[in-house]
C-alpha cells in the first residue's frame, strides 16, 4: 500500500461527500470506489436498504442491490446461499443488526477443524475483512460496507483498516443515505442549528474518538458529552452517532 491515513490529501471526506451528492447510485459508488482504491482498499462492496427485521438478509441484499464485491458477491455469497447450514451460522448479519461497531475478522482467528461461513470465506482466499454497520434515520433499515484483503498482507492491511476506520464509516453512512434515496434531512425539517459544543462533540466523533476521549479533549464529563451528542442526534433526526456525523457533514455543520 503506497498511501497511509497520514497522507490526508488523497481522502477529503467533505469534498467526496459533496461531489457524490449530485450523482446517481452507480456514479456515486464509482467515486467512492476510486477513493478507496487510492487509500489502499482495492476490494470492497456495499449493501443497503435491508429491512432491520429481515429473515433472509443476504437474499435481501441481492434484491436491493450490491455495489462492488469481487469474489465476495460473485463467488462466496452464491455458495453460501447454497449452504443453509452455514448461512444459519453467519455472524455478520446479526452483528450489523444489533451493533454499530465494525465487525472485524482475520484468518489468523480460525481454529483447527472449525466449521462455518468464516472457514468457507478462507477457502475463497478471503484473508481479512472489516464490516461497517449502517442505518437509515429511524433505524428500520440497515446496510453494511465491507473492505477486505485477499493476500498475505492481511495483518498489515488490517492495521491500515483500523487506522482508517472512522473516515470509512462516516463516508459509508453518507453513501448509504444516498443509495437508499434519502434526503440530507427528513422532509419538512427546519434548518438545523447546532451549539458550538454539539459541533465539537460531533467533530471529534467523526475522527473516531470515543465518548471518553471526547470528554478528555474537551475537559467535560462523559455524561455531558453523551447529552451533547444525544441532543445533536435529535436535532439532526438521526438514530445513531455515525449517522449524525454524516448528516452534519452533508449539511456543512462540521468539517472533519
Foldseek 3Di string as FASTA:
>chain_A
DPDFVVPVPLDFLLVLLVVLQPDALVVNVVSVQVSCVVHPQNAKKKFAFAFLPDPCRLVVRVVLDMGGHVCNPPPLSVVVVVPVVQVVVDPPSVCLSPHQAKDKDAPVPDDPPDDHSVVVVVVVQWGIKIKGKEAPLVRRIIMIMMTTDRDPCRVVVVVRCVQCVLQVNLSSNSSNCNSVVHDLAPPPQDDFDADPLLQQLLQVVSNVDDLVRSCVVVVHDSVVSVVSQVVLSVSRSHDDSSNSSNSCSVSVVYGD
